[in-house]
Amino acid sequence: MTRMPGHMCRLYKNGRCLFEENLNPGYNRQYRCKVMIDLEGEYDKLLLQAENFNLDAKAFGDLWEQRIEEHLKSTVVCRKMFPCEEEDGGFCAAIHDRVCLFELPECDGVCSRFKPRKE
């Protein structure tokens, strides 16, 4: 018997299985994108600074864009990062709903949890 590719399963994304993440989203923190976690922390820090300095929304937005750019250029960036080629598709093509696809288990093909894609 030959296993079929899982690409027809709703839980399949770029060779990875989303079953555990769909079962309990966000529970397994090791699946979360490390860069996104860092950026969330940076955002919270900037938000506090903006409140303390009474920055308006435009100034806050400009500072946030600058911080994102600096953060992504720094050495903190993940080695698994896969540049996104789509316009406005984010900074990494390996991110799916704040989860790093490279951290998810690989999909071997059709399994007992197979759920057909909806057309």
PDB file of N, CA and C in Angstrom:
ATOM      1  N   MET A   1       0.844  -1.172   0.000  1.00  0.00           N
ATOM      2  CA  MET A   1       0.000   0.000   0.000  1.00  0.00           C
ATOM      3  C   MET A   1       0.899   1.248   0.000  1.00  0.00           C
ATOM      4  N   THR A   2       0.574   2.191  -0.862  1.00  0.00           N
ATOM      5  CA  THR A   2       1.326   3.438  -0.967  1.00  0.00           C
ATOM      6  C   THR A   2       0.547   4.556  -0.296  1.00  0.00           C
ATOM      7  N   ARG A   3       1.226   5.300   0.548  1.00  0.00           N
ATOM      8  CA  ARG A   3       0.570   6.439   1.191  1.00  0.00           C
ATOM      9  C   ARG A   3       0.420   7.568   0.174  1.00  0.00           C
ATOM     10  N   MET A   4      -0.702   8.224   0.223  1.00  0.00           N
ATOM     11  CA  MET A   4      -0.956   9.325  -0.697  1.00  0.00           C
ATOM     12  C   MET A   4      -0.438  10.619  -0.083  1.00  0.00           C
ATOM     13  N   PRO A   5      -0.103  11.585  -0.907  1.00  0.00           N
ATOM     14  CA  PRO A   5       0.361  12.857  -0.354  1.00  0.00           C
ATOM     15  C   PRO A   5      -0.760  13.559   0.408  1.00  0.00           C
ATOM     16  N   GLY A   6      -0.390  14.235   1.483  1.00  0.00           N
ATOM     17  CA  GLY A   6      -1.379  14.890   2.322  1.00  0.00           C
ATOM     18  C   GLY A   6      -1.873  16.213   1.791  1.00  0.00           C
ATOM     19  N   HIS A   7      -1.431  16.624   0.605  1.00  0.00           N
ATOM     20  CA  HIS A   7      -1.798  17.962   0.125  1.00  0.00           C
ATOM     21  C   HIS A   7      -3.300  18.156  -0.074  1.00  0.00           C
ATOM     22  N   MET A   8      -4.079  17.089  -0.046  1.00  0.00           N
ATOM     23  CA  MET A   8      -5.533  17.227  -0.178  1.00  0.00           C
ATOM     24  C   MET A   8      -6.220  17.317   1.187  1.00  0.00           C
ATOM     25  N   CYS A   9      -5.438  17.368   2.250  1.00  0.00           N
ATOM     26  CA  CYS A   9      -5.974  17.431   3.607  1.00  0.00           C
ATOM     27  C   CYS A   9      -6.054  18.879   4.074  1.00  0.00           C
ATOM     28  N   ARG A  10      -7.116  19.219   4.793  1.00  0.00           N
ATOM     29  CA  ARG A  10      -7.274  20.570   5.333  1.00  0.00           C
ATOM     30  C   ARG A  10      -6.196  20.905   6.353  1.00  0.00           C
ATOM     31  N   LEU A  11      -5.604  19.888   6.956  1.00  0.00           N
ATOM     32  CA  LEU A  11      -4.607  20.094   8.003  1.00  0.00           C
ATOM     33  C   LEU A  11      -3.191  20.172   7.454  1.00  0.00           C
ATOM     34  N   TYR A  12      -3.046  20.139   6.143  1.00  0.00           N
ATOM     35  CA  TYR A  12      -1.735  20.152   5.485  1.00  0.00           C
ATOM     36  C   TYR A  12      -1.384  21.565   5.045  1.00  0.00           C
ATOM     37  N   LYS A  13      -0.143  21.960   5.336  1.00  0.00           N
ATOM     38  CA  LYS A  13       0.338  23.267   4.879  1.00  0.00           C
ATOM     39  C   LYS A  13       1.838  23.147   4.627  1.00  0.00           C
ATOM     40  N   ASN A  14       2.239  23.257   3.369  1.00  0.00           N
ATOM     41  CA  ASN A  14       3.656  23.224   2.975  1.00  0.00           C
ATOM     42  C   ASN A  14       4.432  22.065   3.583  1.00  0.00           C
ATOM     43  N   GLY A  15       3.855  20.872   3.550  1.00  0.00           N
ATOM     44  CA  GLY A  15       4.543  19.679   4.038  1.00  0.00           C
ATOM     45  C   GLY A  15       4.456  19.465   5.534  1.00  0.00           C
ATOM     46  N   ARG A  16       3.683  20.267   6.220  1.00  0.00           N
ATOM     47  CA  ARG A  16       3.556  20.170   7.677  1.00  0.00           C
ATOM     48  C   ARG A  16       2.118  19.896   8.077  1.00  0.00           C
ATOM     49  N   CYS A  17       1.952  19.267   9.240  1.00  0.00           N
ATOM     50  CA  CYS A  17       0.629  18.907   9.751  1.00  0.00           C
ATOM     51  C   CYS A  17       0.178  19.917  10.795  1.00  0.00           C
ATOM     52  N   LEU A  18      -0.994  20.489  10.585  1.00  0.00           N
ATOM     53  CA  LEU A  18      -1.552  21.498  11.484  1.00  0.00           C
ATOM     54  C   LEU A  18      -2.516  20.913  12.514  1.00  0.00           C
ATOM     55  N   PHE A  19      -2.605  19.569  12.609  1.00  0.00           N
ATOM     56  CA  PHE A  19      -3.600  18.944  13.477  1.00  0.00           C
ATOM     57  C   PHE A  19      -3.508  19.434  14.918  1.00  0.00           C
ATOM     58  N   GLU A  20      -2.318  19.318  15.519  1.00  0.00           N
ATOM     59  CA  GLU A  20      -2.165  19.705  16.925  1.00  0.00           C
ATOM     60  C   GLU A  20      -2.472  21.183  17.139  1.00  0.00           C
ATOM     61  N   GLU A  21      -2.039  22.020  16.216  1.00  0.00           N
ATOM     62  CA  GLU A  21      -2.280  23.457  16.358  1.00  0.00           C
ATOM     63  C   GLU A  21      -3.766  23.768  16.203  1.00  0.00           C
ATOM     64  N   ASN A  22      -4.455  23.085  15.294  1.00  0.00           N
ATOM     65  CA  ASN A  22      -5.894  23.305  15.118  1.00  0.00           C
ATOM     66  C   ASN A  22      -6.686  22.767  16.305  1.00  0.00           C
ATOM     67  N   LEU A  23      -6.184  21.711  16.910  1.00  0.00           N
ATOM     68  CA  LEU A  23      -6.852  21.102  18.056  1.00  0.00           C
ATOM     69  C   LEU A  23      -6.878  22.066  19.243  1.00  0.00           C
ATOM     70  N   ASN A  24      -5.757  22.723  19.489  1.00  0.00           N
ATOM     71  CA  ASN A  24      -5.653  23.639  20.615  1.00  0.00           C
ATOM     72  C   ASN A  24      -4.733  24.801  20.229  1.00  0.00           C
ATOM     73  N   PRO A  25      -5.243  25.794  19.486  1.00  0.00           N
ATOM     74  CA  PRO A  25      -4.416  26.886  18.969  1.00  0.00           C
ATOM     75  C   PRO A  25      -3.664  27.643  20.061  1.00  0.00           C
ATOM     76  N   GLY A  26      -2.361  27.805  19.835  1.00  0.00           N
ATOM     77  CA  GLY A  26      -1.536  28.570  20.751  1.00  0.00           C
ATOM     78  C   GLY A  26      -1.054  27.814  21.976  1.00  0.00           C
ATOM     79  N   TYR A  27      -1.540  26.595  22.204  1.00  0.00           N
ATOM     80  CA  TYR A  27      -1.160  25.839  23.399  1.00  0.00           C
ATOM     81  C   TYR A  27       0.328  25.478  23.388  1.00  0.00           C
ATOM     82  N   ASN A  28       0.792  24.958  22.274  1.00  0.00           N
ATOM     83  CA  ASN A  28       2.191  24.556  22.175  1.00  0.00           C
ATOM     84  C   ASN A  28       3.025  25.759  21.753  1.00  0.00           C
ATOM     85  N   ARG A  29       3.652  26.405  22.729  1.00  0.00           N
ATOM     86  CA  ARG A  29       4.406  27.638  22.462  1.00  0.00           C
ATOM     87  C   ARG A  29       5.631  27.405  21.594  1.00  0.00           C
ATOM     88  N   GLN A  30       6.135  26.181  21.524  1.00  0.00           N
ATOM     89  CA  GLN A  30       7.319  25.927  20.694  1.00  0.00           C
ATOM     90  C   GLN A  30       6.994  26.041  19.210  1.00  0.00           C
ATOM     91  N   TYR A  31       5.719  25.998  18.834  1.00  0.00           N
ATOM     92  CA  TYR A  31       5.321  26.161  17.436  1.00  0.00           C
ATOM     93  C   TYR A  31       5.295  27.633  17.031  1.00  0.00           C
ATOM     94  N   ARG A  32       5.198  28.527  18.010  1.00  0.00           N
ATOM     95  CA  ARG A  32       5.085  29.954  17.711  1.00  0.00           C
ATOM     96  C   ARG A  32       6.360  30.480  17.085  1.00  0.00           C
ATOM     97  N   CYS A  33       6.213  31.430  16.193  1.00  0.00           N
ATOM     98  CA  CYS A  33       7.346  32.072  15.540  1.00  0.00           C
ATOM     99  C   CYS A  33       8.106  32.907  16.567  1.00  0.00           C
ATOM    100  N   LYS A  34       9.394  32.624  16.715  1.00  0.00           N
ATOM    101  CA  LYS A  34      10.229  33.319  17.703  1.00  0.00           C
ATOM    102  C   LYS A  34      10.354  34.810  17.378  1.00  0.00           C
ATOM    103  N   VAL A  35      10.430  35.134  16.097  1.00  0.00           N
ATOM    104  CA  VAL A  35      10.545  36.535  15.690  1.00  0.00           C
ATOM    105  C   VAL A  35       9.262  37.286  16.038  1.00  0.00           C
ATOM    106  N   MET A  36       8.112  36.640  15.815  1.00  0.00           N
ATOM    107  CA  MET A  36       6.830  37.279  16.154  1.00  0.00           C
ATOM    108  C   MET A  36       6.718  37.509  17.651  1.00  0.00           C
ATOM    109  N   ILE A  37       7.165  36.550  18.456  1.00  0.00           N
ATOM    110  CA  ILE A  37       7.128  36.712  19.910  1.00  0.00           C
ATOM    111  C   ILE A  37       7.976  37.914  20.313  1.00  0.00           C
ATOM    112  N   ASP A  38       9.183  38.022  19.728  1.00  0.00           N
ATOM    113  CA  ASP A  38      10.053  39.170  20.014  1.00  0.00           C
ATOM    114  C   ASP A  38       9.402  40.484  19.594  1.00  0.00           C
ATOM    115  N   LEU A  39       8.788  40.489  18.406  1.00  0.00           N
ATOM    116  CA  LEU A  39       8.144  41.709  17.916  1.00  0.00           C
ATOM    117  C   LEU A  39       6.963  42.114  18.801  1.00  0.00           C
ATOM    118  N   GLU A  40       6.232  41.138  19.320  1.00  0.00           N
ATOM    119  CA  GLU A  40       5.124  41.448  20.224  1.00  0.00           C
ATOM    120  C   GLU A  40       5.644  42.138  21.487  1.00  0.00           C
ATOM    121  N   GLY A  41       6.774  41.654  21.999  1.00  0.00           N
ATOM    122  CA  GLY A  41       7.395  42.285  23.162  1.00  0.00           C
ATOM    123  C   GLY A  41       7.851  43.704  22.856  1.00  0.00           C
ATOM    124  N   GLU A  42       8.450  43.874  21.679  1.00  0.00           N
ATOM    125  CA  GLU A  42       8.888  45.215  21.255  1.00  0.00           C
ATOM    126  C   GLU A  42       7.700  46.165  21.115  1.00  0.00           C
ATOM    127  N   TYR A  43       6.602  45.650  20.582  1.00  0.00           N
ATOM    128  CA  TYR A  43       5.398  46.470  20.405  1.00  0.00           C
ATOM    129  C   TYR A  43       4.873  46.937  21.761  1.00  0.00           C
ATOM    130  N   ASP A  44       4.822  46.005  22.726  1.00  0.00           N
ATOM    131  CA  ASP A  44       4.349  46.366  24.063  1.00  0.00           C
ATOM    132  C   ASP A  44       5.234  47.438  24.690  1.00  0.00           C
ATOM    133  N   LYS A  45       6.566  47.292  24.519  1.00  0.00           N
ATOM    134  CA  LYS A  45       7.496  48.299  25.058  1.00  0.00           C
ATOM    135  C   LYS A  45       7.256  49.659  24.415  1.00  0.00           C
ATOM    136  N   LEU A  46       7.097  49.655  23.086  1.00  0.00           N
ATOM    137  CA  LEU A  46       6.884  50.919  22.371  1.00  0.00           C
ATOM    138  C   LEU A  46       5.555  51.555  22.778  1.00  0.00           C
ATOM    139  N   LEU A  47       4.550  50.734  23.004  1.00  0.00           N
ATOM    140  CA  LEU A  47       3.254  51.246  23.430  1.00  0.00           C
ATOM    141  C   LEU A  47       3.364  51.976  24.774  1.00  0.00           C
ATOM    142  N   LEU A  48       4.105  51.396  25.704  1.00  0.00           N
ATOM    143  CA  LEU A  48       4.326  52.055  26.992  1.00  0.00           C
ATOM    144  C   LEU A  48       5.090  53.362  26.824  1.00  0.00           C
ATOM    145  N   GLN A  49       6.115  53.347  25.979  1.00  0.00           N
ATOM    146  CA  GLN A  49       6.887  54.562  25.718  1.00  0.00           C
ATOM    147  C   GLN A  49       6.006  55.635  25.077  1.00  0.00           C
ATOM    148  N   ALA A  50       5.155  55.229  24.163  1.00  0.00           N
ATOM    149  CA  ALA A  50       4.266  56.181  23.487  1.00  0.00           C
ATOM    150  C   ALA A  50       3.314  56.833  24.485  1.00  0.00           C
ATOM    151  N   GLU A  51       2.808  56.037  25.421  1.00  0.00           N
ATOM    152  CA  GLU A  51       1.926  56.595  26.448  1.00  0.00           C
ATOM    153  C   GLU A  51       2.687  57.576  27.330  1.00  0.00           C
ATOM    154  N   ASN A  52       3.899  57.208  27.724  1.00  0.00           N
ATOM    155  CA  ASN A  52       4.697  58.072  28.602  1.00  0.00           C
ATOM    156  C   ASN A  52       5.075  59.397  27.931  1.00  0.00           C
ATOM    157  N   PHE A  53       5.295  59.367  26.623  1.00  0.00           N
ATOM    158  CA  PHE A  53       5.695  60.572  25.899  1.00  0.00           C
ATOM    159  C   PHE A  53       4.544  61.223  25.134  1.00  0.00           C
ATOM    160  N   ASN A  54       3.330  60.738  25.343  1.00  0.00           N
ATOM    161  CA  ASN A  54       2.126  61.283  24.699  1.00  0.00           C
ATOM    162  C   ASN A  54       2.271  61.391  23.181  1.00  0.00           C
ATOM    163  N   LEU A  55       2.750  60.327  22.555  1.00  0.00           N
ATOM    164  CA  LEU A  55       2.905  60.322  21.093  1.00  0.00           C
ATOM    165  C   LEU A  55       1.549  60.152  20.420  1.00  0.00           C
ATOM    166  N   ASP A  56       1.374  60.809  19.283  1.00  0.00           N
ATOM    167  CA  ASP A  56       0.146  60.621  18.522  1.00  0.00           C
ATOM    168  C   ASP A  56       0.252  59.348  17.664  1.00  0.00           C
ATOM    169  N   ALA A  57      -0.844  58.966  17.041  1.00  0.00           N
ATOM    170  CA  ALA A  57      -0.895  57.721  16.272  1.00  0.00           C
ATOM    171  C   ALA A  57       0.094  57.716  15.105  1.00  0.00           C
ATOM    172  N   LYS A  58       0.251  58.848  14.443  1.00  0.00           N
ATOM    173  CA  LYS A  58       1.178  58.914  13.300  1.00  0.00           C
ATOM    174  C   LYS A  58       2.618  58.693  13.754  1.00  0.00           C
ATOM    175  N   ALA A  59       3.023  59.370  14.811  1.00  0.00           N
ATOM    176  CA  ALA A  59       4.389  59.221  15.327  1.00  0.00           C
ATOM    177  C   ALA A  59       4.619  57.787  15.799  1.00  0.00           C
ATOM    178  N   PHE A  60       3.612  57.225  16.453  1.00  0.00           N
ATOM    179  CA  PHE A  60       3.720  55.842  16.915  1.00  0.00           C
ATOM    180  C   PHE A  60       3.892  54.891  15.735  1.00  0.00           C
ATOM    181  N   GLY A  61       3.082  55.071  14.702  1.00  0.00           N
ATOM    182  CA  GLY A  61       3.162  54.231  13.507  1.00  0.00           C
ATOM    183  C   GLY A  61       4.524  54.318  12.826  1.00  0.00           C
ATOM    184  N   ASP A  62       5.041  55.524  12.718  1.00  0.00           N
ATOM    185  CA  ASP A  62       6.364  55.717  12.109  1.00  0.00           C
ATOM    186  C   ASP A  62       7.458  55.029  12.922  1.00  0.00           C
ATOM    187  N   LEU A  63       7.406  55.196  14.244  1.00  0.00           N
ATOM    188  CA  LEU A  63       8.390  54.539  15.109  1.00  0.00           C
ATOM    189  C   LEU A  63       8.288  53.016  15.021  1.00  0.00           C
ATOM    190  N   TRP A  64       7.055  52.507  14.971  1.00  0.00           N
ATOM    191  CA  TRP A  64       6.853  51.067  14.898  1.00  0.00           C
ATOM    192  C   TRP A  64       7.423  50.493  13.595  1.00  0.00           C
ATOM    193  N   GLU A  65       7.180  51.154  12.491  1.00  0.00           N
ATOM    194  CA  GLU A  65       7.733  50.703  11.212  1.00  0.00           C
ATOM    195  C   GLU A  65       9.257  50.671  11.258  1.00  0.00           C
ATOM    196  N   GLN A  66       9.836  51.698  11.866  1.00  0.00           N
ATOM    197  CA  GLN A  66      11.292  51.785  11.991  1.00  0.00           C
ATOM    198  C   GLN A  66      11.825  50.650  12.875  1.00  0.00           C
ATOM    199  N   ARG A  67      11.136  50.362  13.973  1.00  0.00           N
ATOM    200  CA  ARG A  67      11.567  49.286  14.879  1.00  0.00           C
ATOM    201  C   ARG A  67      11.472  47.921  14.212  1.00  0.00           C
ATOM    202  N   ILE A  68      10.419  47.691  13.446  1.00  0.00           N
ATOM    203  CA  ILE A  68      10.277  46.410  12.740  1.00  0.00           C
ATOM    204  C   ILE A  68      11.450  46.233  11.788  1.00  0.00           C
ATOM    205  N   GLU A  69      11.718  47.271  11.016  1.00  0.00           N
ATOM    206  CA  GLU A  69      12.813  47.213  10.048  1.00  0.00           C
ATOM    207  C   GLU A  69      14.152  46.937  10.733  1.00  0.00           C
ATOM    208  N   GLU A  70      14.417  47.637  11.832  1.00  0.00           N
ATOM    209  CA  GLU A  70      15.663  47.432  12.576  1.00  0.00           C
ATOM    210  C   GLU A  70      15.736  46.018  13.151  1.00  0.00           C
ATOM    211  N   HIS A  71      14.614  45.558  13.684  1.00  0.00           N
ATOM    212  CA  HIS A  71      14.578  44.228  14.296  1.00  0.00           C
ATOM    213  C   HIS A  71      14.848  43.129  13.269  1.00  0.00           C
ATOM    214  N   LEU A  72      14.258  43.264  12.107  1.00  0.00           N
ATOM    215  CA  LEU A  72      14.422  42.237  11.074  1.00  0.00           C
ATOM    216  C   LEU A  72      15.824  42.252  10.471  1.00  0.00           C
ATOM    217  N   LYS A  73      16.524  43.377  10.564  1.00  0.00           N
ATOM    218  CA  LYS A  73      17.896  43.455  10.065  1.00  0.00           C
ATOM    219  C   LYS A  73      18.910  42.979  11.103  1.00  0.00           C
ATOM    220  N   SER A  74      18.479  42.887  12.347  1.00  0.00           N
ATOM    221  CA  SER A  74      19.403  42.526  13.422  1.00  0.00           C
ATOM    222  C   SER A  74      19.753  41.043  13.373  1.00  0.00           C
ATOM    223  N   THR A  75      20.675  40.651  14.220  1.00  0.00           N
ATOM    224  CA  THR A  75      21.103  39.248  14.279  1.00  0.00           C
ATOM    225  C   THR A  75      20.117  38.377  15.036  1.00  0.00           C
ATOM    226  N   VAL A  76      19.073  38.974  15.594  1.00  0.00           N
ATOM    227  CA  VAL A  76      18.073  38.231  16.355  1.00  0.00           C
ATOM    228  C   VAL A  76      17.211  37.367  15.434  1.00  0.00           C
ATOM    229  N   VAL A  77      17.187  37.686  14.173  1.00  0.00           N
ATOM    230  CA  VAL A  77      16.293  37.036  13.222  1.00  0.00           C
ATOM    231  C   VAL A  77      16.570  35.533  13.126  1.00  0.00           C
ATOM    232  N   CYS A  78      15.525  34.788  13.002  1.00  0.00           N
ATOM    233  CA  CYS A  78      15.551  33.330  12.922  1.00  0.00           C
ATOM    234  C   CYS A  78      16.298  32.832  11.687  1.00  0.00           C
ATOM    235  N   ARG A  79      17.074  31.776  11.862  1.00  0.00           N
ATOM    236  CA  ARG A  79      17.801  31.190  10.726  1.00  0.00           C
ATOM    237  C   ARG A  79      16.874  30.420   9.794  1.00  0.00           C
ATOM    238  N   LYS A  80      15.667  30.079  10.282  1.00  0.00           N
ATOM    239  CA  LYS A  80      14.702  29.339   9.467  1.00  0.00           C
ATOM    240  C   LYS A  80      13.846  30.263   8.608  1.00  0.00           C
ATOM    241  N   MET A  81      14.092  31.543   8.712  1.00  0.00           N
ATOM    242  CA  MET A  81      13.273  32.519   8.005  1.00  0.00           C
ATOM    243  C   MET A  81      13.319  32.291   6.496  1.00  0.00           C
ATOM    244  N   PHE A  82      12.160  32.269   5.884  1.00  0.00           N
ATOM    245  CA  PHE A  82      12.013  32.037   4.460  1.00  0.00           C
ATOM    246  C   PHE A  82      11.352  33.282   3.878  1.00  0.00           C
ATOM    247  N   PRO A  83      12.112  34.116   3.144  1.00  0.00           N
ATOM    248  CA  PRO A  83      11.565  35.394   2.667  1.00  0.00           C
ATOM    249  C   PRO A  83      10.251  35.233   1.900  1.00  0.00           C
ATOM    250  N   CYS A  84       9.330  36.111   2.190  1.00  0.00           N
ATOM    251  CA  CYS A  84       8.024  36.094   1.538  1.00  0.00           C
ATOM    252  C   CYS A  84       8.109  36.893   0.246  1.00  0.00           C
ATOM    253  N   GLU A  85       7.707  36.275  -0.844  1.00  0.00           N
ATOM    254  CA  GLU A  85       7.785  36.932  -2.153  1.00  0.00           C
ATOM    255  C   GLU A  85       6.529  37.726  -2.494  1.00  0.00           C
ATOM    256  N   GLU A  86       5.427  37.429  -1.790  1.00  0.00           N
ATOM    257  CA  GLU A  86       4.176  38.124  -2.068  1.00  0.00           C
ATOM    258  C   GLU A  86       4.197  39.527  -1.472  1.00  0.00           C
ATOM    259  N   GLU A  87       3.620  40.457  -2.204  1.00  0.00           N
ATOM    260  CA  GLU A  87       3.512  41.828  -1.706  1.00  0.00           C
ATOM    261  C   GLU A  87       2.560  41.838  -0.516  1.00  0.00           C
ATOM    262  N   ASP A  88       2.976  42.438   0.577  1.00  0.00           N
ATOM    263  CA  ASP A  88       2.163  42.543   1.790  1.00  0.00           C
ATOM    264  C   ASP A  88       1.859  41.175   2.398  1.00  0.00           C
ATOM    265  N   GLY A  89       2.730  40.186   2.146  1.00  0.00           N
ATOM    266  CA  GLY A  89       2.522  38.845   2.675  1.00  0.00           C
ATOM    267  C   GLY A  89       3.248  38.601   3.981  1.00  0.00           C
ATOM    268  N   GLY A  90       3.793  39.644   4.584  1.00  0.00           N
ATOM    269  CA  GLY A  90       4.543  39.476   5.818  1.00  0.00           C
ATOM    270  C   GLY A  90       6.027  39.371   5.532  1.00  0.00           C
ATOM    271  N   PHE A  91       6.799  39.121   6.562  1.00  0.00           N
ATOM    272  CA  PHE A  91       8.246  39.075   6.404  1.00  0.00           C
ATOM    273  C   PHE A  91       8.773  37.666   6.195  1.00  0.00           C
ATOM    274  N   CYS A  92       7.947  36.633   6.452  1.00  0.00           N
ATOM    275  CA  CYS A  92       8.415  35.255   6.332  1.00  0.00           C
ATOM    276  C   CYS A  92       7.302  34.368   5.786  1.00  0.00           C
ATOM    277  N   ALA A  93       7.617  33.600   4.762  1.00  0.00           N
ATOM    278  CA  ALA A  93       6.625  32.720   4.140  1.00  0.00           C
ATOM    279  C   ALA A  93       6.363  31.466   4.971  1.00  0.00           C
ATOM    280  N   ALA A  94       7.187  31.212   5.989  1.00  0.00           N
ATOM    281  CA  ALA A  94       7.015  30.020   6.826  1.00  0.00           C
ATOM    282  C   ALA A  94       6.073  30.262   7.998  1.00  0.00           C
ATOM    283  N   ILE A  95       5.500  31.456   8.087  1.00  0.00           N
ATOM    284  CA  ILE A  95       4.560  31.752   9.176  1.00  0.00           C
ATOM    285  C   ILE A  95       3.133  31.521   8.691  1.00  0.00           C
ATOM    286  N   HIS A  96       2.374  30.809   9.513  1.00  0.00           N
ATOM    287  CA  HIS A  96       0.958  30.561   9.229  1.00  0.00           C
ATOM    288  C   HIS A  96       0.204  30.765  10.544  1.00  0.00           C
ATOM    289  N   ASP A  97      -0.613  31.790  10.616  1.00  0.00           N
ATOM    290  CA  ASP A  97      -1.361  32.106  11.843  1.00  0.00           C
ATOM    291  C   ASP A  97      -0.462  32.174  13.072  1.00  0.00           C
ATOM    292  N   ARG A  98       0.636  32.930  12.980  1.00  0.00           N
ATOM    293  CA  ARG A  98       1.592  33.164  14.065  1.00  0.00           C
ATOM    294  C   ARG A  98       2.393  31.918  14.454  1.00  0.00           C
ATOM    295  N   VAL A  99       2.277  30.869  13.662  1.00  0.00           N
ATOM    296  CA  VAL A  99       2.998  29.617  13.920  1.00  0.00           C
ATOM    297  C   VAL A  99       4.066  29.445  12.850  1.00  0.00           C
ATOM    298  N   CYS A 100       5.239  28.962  13.266  1.00  0.00           N
ATOM    299  CA  CYS A 100       6.305  28.660  12.311  1.00  0.00           C
ATOM    300  C   CYS A 100       6.084  27.262  11.753  1.00  0.00           C
ATOM    301  N   LEU A 101       5.881  27.162  10.450  1.00  0.00           N
ATOM    302  CA  LEU A 101       5.628  25.860   9.841  1.00  0.00           C
ATOM    303  C   LEU A 101       6.789  24.888  10.039  1.00  0.00           C
ATOM    304  N   PHE A 102       8.012  25.412  10.138  1.00  0.00           N
ATOM    305  CA  PHE A 102       9.169  24.539  10.327  1.00  0.00           C
ATOM    306  C   PHE A 102       9.182  23.876  11.707  1.00  0.00           C
ATOM    307  N   GLU A 103       8.407  24.411  12.657  1.00  0.00           N
ATOM    308  CA  GLU A 103       8.343  23.836  13.999  1.00  0.00           C
ATOM    309  C   GLU A 103       7.268  22.751  14.108  1.00  0.00           C
ATOM    310  N   LEU A 104       6.350  22.712  13.152  1.00  0.00           N
ATOM    311  CA  LEU A 104       5.273  21.715  13.170  1.00  0.00           C
ATOM    312  C   LEU A 104       5.784  20.357  12.681  1.00  0.00           C
ATOM    313  N   PRO A 105       5.101  19.269  13.081  1.00  0.00           N
ATOM    314  CA  PRO A 105       5.513  17.948  12.589  1.00  0.00           C
ATOM    315  C   PRO A 105       5.326  17.839  11.073  1.00  0.00           C
ATOM    316  N   GLU A 106       6.205  17.069  10.443  1.00  0.00           N
ATOM    317  CA  GLU A 106       6.083  16.857   8.999  1.00  0.00           C
ATOM    318  C   GLU A 106       4.879  15.974   8.712  1.00  0.00           C
ATOM    319  N   CYS A 107       4.285  16.182   7.546  1.00  0.00           N
ATOM    320  CA  CYS A 107       3.149  15.372   7.112  1.00  0.00           C
ATOM    321  C   CYS A 107       3.674  14.247   6.230  1.00  0.00           C
ATOM    322  N   ASP A 108       3.396  13.009   6.646  1.00  0.00           N
ATOM    323  CA  ASP A 108       3.845  11.845   5.879  1.00  0.00           C
ATOM    324  C   ASP A 108       2.871  11.472   4.762  1.00  0.00           C
ATOM    325  N   GLY A 109       1.692  11.997   4.811  1.00  0.00           N
ATOM    326  CA  GLY A 109       0.673  11.638   3.825  1.00  0.00           C
ATOM    327  C   GLY A 109      -0.661  11.459   4.527  1.00  0.00           C
ATOM    328  N   VAL A 110      -1.538  10.688   3.950  1.00  0.00           N
ATOM    329  CA  VAL A 110      -2.866  10.494   4.523  1.00  0.00           C
ATOM    330  C   VAL A 110      -2.751   9.698   5.822  1.00  0.00           C
ATOM    331  N   CYS A 111      -3.374  10.199   6.875  1.00  0.00           N
ATOM    332  CA  CYS A 111      -3.369   9.494   8.160  1.00  0.00           C
ATOM    333  C   CYS A 111      -4.804   9.399   8.678  1.00  0.00           C
ATOM    334  N   SER A 112      -4.965   8.874   9.868  1.00  0.00           N
ATOM    335  CA  SER A 112      -6.302   8.690  10.432  1.00  0.00           C
ATOM    336  C   SER A 112      -6.998  10.027  10.720  1.00  0.00           C
ATOM    337  N   ARG A 113      -6.240  11.119  10.746  1.00  0.00           N
ATOM    338  CA  ARG A 113      -6.822  12.436  11.019  1.00  0.00           C
ATOM    339  C   ARG A 113      -7.107  13.212   9.727  1.00  0.00           C
ATOM    340  N   PHE A 114      -6.962  12.566   8.586  1.00  0.00           N
ATOM    341  CA  PHE A 114      -7.162  13.189   7.280  1.00  0.00           C
ATOM    342  C   PHE A 114      -8.531  13.825   7.188  1.00  0.00           C
ATOM    343  N   LYS A 115      -8.574  15.086   6.798  1.00  0.00           N
ATOM    344  CA  LYS A 115      -9.835  15.801   6.573  1.00  0.00           C
ATOM    345  C   LYS A 115      -9.760  16.435   5.200  1.00  0.00           C
ATOM    346  N   PRO A 116     -10.624  16.030   4.286  1.00  0.00           N
ATOM    347  CA  PRO A 116     -10.548  16.574   2.909  1.00  0.00           C
ATOM    348  C   PRO A 116     -10.717  18.093   2.892  1.00  0.00           C
ATOM    349  N   ARG A 117     -10.015  18.723   1.949  1.00  0.00           N
ATOM    350  CA  ARG A 117     -10.155  20.167   1.769  1.00  0.00           C
ATOM    351  C   ARG A 117     -11.552  20.491   1.283  1.00  0.00           C
ATOM    352  N   LYS A 118     -12.067  21.608   1.748  1.00  0.00           N
ATOM    353  CA  LYS A 118     -13.375  22.067   1.277  1.00  0.00           C
ATOM    354  C   LYS A 118     -13.164  22.841  -0.001  1.00  0.00           C
ATOM    355  N   GLU A 119     -13.969  22.637  -0.961  1.00  0.00           N
ATOM    356  CA  GLU A 119     -13.848  23.340  -2.245  1.00  0.00           C
ATOM    357  C   GLU A 119     -14.453  24.709  -2.170  1.00  0.00           C
TER     358      GLU A 119
END
